[in-house]
């Protein structure tokens, strides 16, 4: 991190969630860490429209940003809007760890939900078959 890059809390980021003052957090451990960006001046130029950015204004928008699959040009443009690095205080670290744990548990339980649905469909189909005879 450069000396001039200041650290900003999520609490501070959350205050910047309006059309005339819109900040986002983008980045994760795999991409060099969470960074804070002031996208206020870019709202009208965003190809997806200002509303897309405003919907996640004042929040961690990394998952949305990565899911879209932005180009290198978009990532280069983003660098120009850098305000600082997100400061992860102990409470924020704990919240992120819990969110990651829940996401992992949800991903791991997806297979068992499919099995339950399959069993239910077979039972309904069997019941319908028996009634039709």
Protein backbone atom coordinates (compact mmCIF):
# COMPACT_ATOMS: atom_id res chain seq x y z
CA UNK A 1 0.00 0.00 0.00
CA UNK A 2 1.38 3.43 -0.87
CA UNK A 3 1.87 6.02 1.84
CA UNK A 4 -0.75 8.36 0.38
CA UNK A 5 -3.41 5.64 0.23
CA UNK A 6 -5.64 6.21 3.22
CA UNK A 7 -7.59 3.54 5.05
CA UNK A 8 -11.36 3.92 5.12
CA UNK A 9 -13.87 2.02 7.28
CA UNK A 10 -17.09 0.44 6.01
CA UNK A 11 -18.91 2.87 8.29
CA UNK A 12 -17.41 5.78 6.33
CA UNK A 13 -18.13 4.11 2.96
CA UNK A 14 -21.79 3.63 3.96
CA UNK A 15 -22.22 7.43 4.24
CA UNK A 16 -21.48 7.80 0.51
CA UNK A 17 -24.58 6.23 -1.04
CA UNK A 18 -26.23 9.00 -3.05
CA UNK A 19 -26.15 10.25 -6.62
CA UNK A 20 -24.09 13.29 -5.63
CA UNK A 21 -21.70 11.23 -3.46
CA UNK A 22 -21.29 7.54 -4.34
CA UNK A 23 -18.50 5.26 -3.12
CA UNK A 24 -18.08 1.52 -3.65
CA UNK A 25 -15.81 -1.16 -2.25
CA UNK A 26 -14.35 -3.45 -4.88
CA UNK A 27 -11.61 -6.02 -4.44
CA UNK A 28 -10.85 -9.07 -2.34
CA UNK A 29 -7.90 -11.15 -1.19
CA UNK A 30 -7.49 -12.63 -4.68
CA UNK A 31 -7.41 -9.23 -6.40
CA UNK A 32 -5.10 -7.32 -4.07
CA UNK A 33 -7.51 -6.44 -1.30
CA UNK A 34 -10.62 -4.36 -0.87
CA UNK A 35 -10.31 -0.82 -2.23
CA UNK A 36 -12.66 2.14 -1.96
CA UNK A 37 -13.65 4.01 -5.11
CA UNK A 38 -15.52 7.28 -5.61
CA UNK A 39 -17.72 6.61 -8.65
CA UNK A 40 -19.75 9.82 -8.36
CA UNK A 41 -18.23 11.41 -11.46
CA UNK A 42 -18.53 8.18 -13.42
CA UNK A 43 -22.24 7.52 -12.85
CA UNK A 44 -23.36 9.06 -16.16
CA UNK A 45 -20.58 7.30 -18.10
CA UNK A 46 -21.18 3.80 -16.75
CA UNK A 47 -22.26 1.56 -19.67
CA UNK A 48 -24.79 -0.25 -17.46
CA UNK A 49 -26.31 3.03 -16.28
CA UNK A 50 -26.02 5.01 -13.08
CA UNK A 51 -28.72 2.98 -11.34
CA UNK A 52 -26.53 -0.12 -11.29
CA UNK A 53 -23.87 1.72 -9.32
CA UNK A 54 -26.34 3.56 -7.11
CA UNK A 55 -27.95 0.25 -6.09
CA UNK A 56 -24.67 -0.75 -4.43
CA UNK A 57 -23.53 2.73 -3.41
CA UNK A 58 -21.97 2.83 0.05
CA UNK A 59 -21.55 -0.95 0.04
CA UNK A 60 -19.14 -3.73 -0.82
CA UNK A 61 -19.84 -4.25 -4.53
CA UNK A 62 -17.01 -6.70 -5.25
CA UNK A 63 -19.20 -9.74 -5.86
CA UNK A 64 -21.40 -7.81 -8.31
CA UNK A 65 -18.35 -6.36 -10.07
CA UNK A 66 -16.69 -9.75 -10.46
CA UNK A 67 -19.89 -11.55 -11.50
CA UNK A 68 -20.31 -9.19 -14.47
CA UNK A 69 -16.81 -9.98 -15.73
CA UNK A 70 -15.55 -6.45 -16.35
CA UNK A 71 -12.88 -5.86 -19.00
CA UNK A 72 -9.30 -4.72 -18.44
CA UNK A 73 -10.38 -1.27 -19.67
CA UNK A 74 -13.07 -1.14 -16.97
CA UNK A 75 -10.52 -2.15 -14.33
CA UNK A 76 -8.11 0.51 -15.59
CA UNK A 77 -10.87 3.14 -15.43
CA UNK A 78 -11.65 2.05 -11.88
CA UNK A 79 -8.04 2.69 -10.79
CA UNK A 80 -8.54 6.38 -11.61
CA UNK A 81 -11.37 6.56 -9.05
CA UNK A 82 -9.43 5.11 -6.10
CA UNK A 83 -9.99 6.84 -2.75
CA UNK A 84 -8.14 4.40 -0.50
CA UNK A 85 -8.02 0.94 1.03
CA UNK A 86 -10.83 -0.55 3.07
CA UNK A 87 -9.84 -0.82 6.72
CA UNK A 88 -11.04 -4.12 8.09
CA UNK A 89 -11.49 -3.62 11.81
CA UNK A 90 -11.99 -6.72 13.98
CA UNK A 91 -15.81 -6.45 13.79
CA UNK A 92 -15.75 -6.20 9.98
CA UNK A 93 -13.29 -9.10 9.73
CA UNK A 94 -15.57 -11.24 11.90
CA UNK A 95 -18.62 -10.28 9.80
CA UNK A 96 -16.81 -11.20 6.58
CA UNK A 97 -15.58 -14.51 8.01
CA UNK A 98 -19.12 -15.42 9.08
CA UNK A 99 -20.51 -14.45 5.67
CA UNK A 100 -17.88 -16.60 3.94
CA UNK A 101 -18.65 -19.50 6.27
CA UNK A 102 -22.39 -19.23 5.56
CA UNK A 103 -21.75 -19.06 1.82
CA UNK A 104 -19.57 -22.19 2.02
CA UNK A 105 -22.20 -24.05 4.05
CA UNK A 106 -24.89 -23.03 1.59
CA UNK A 107 -22.78 -24.22 -1.34
CA UNK A 108 -22.09 -27.54 0.37
CA UNK A 109 -25.75 -28.16 1.19
CA UNK A 110 -26.90 -27.59 -2.38
CA UNK A 111 -26.47 -31.27 -3.29
CA UNK A 112 -28.60 -32.52 -0.42
CA UNK A 113 -31.41 -30.11 -1.38
CA UNK A 114 -31.40 -31.57 -4.88
CA UNK A 115 -31.69 -35.09 -3.48
CA UNK A 116 -34.63 -34.09 -1.26
CA UNK A 117 -36.37 -32.52 -4.26
CA UNK A 118 -35.72 -35.61 -6.38
CA UNK A 119 -37.14 -37.93 -3.70
CA UNK A 120 -40.20 -35.69 -3.33
CA UNK A 121 -40.80 -35.68 -7.09
CA UNK A 122 -40.47 -39.47 -7.27
CA UNK A 123 -42.94 -39.85 -4.37
CA UNK A 124 -45.46 -37.51 -6.01
CA UNK A 125 -45.05 -39.32 -9.34
CA UNK A 126 -45.50 -42.71 -7.69
CA UNK A 127 -48.61 -41.50 -5.84
CA UNK A 128 -50.08 -40.17 -9.09
CA UNK A 129 -49.29 -43.47 -10.83
CA UNK A 130 -51.00 -45.49 -8.08
CA UNK A 131 -54.09 -43.24 -8.18
CA UNK A 132 -54.38 -43.55 -11.96
CA UNK A 133 -54.48 -47.36 -11.82
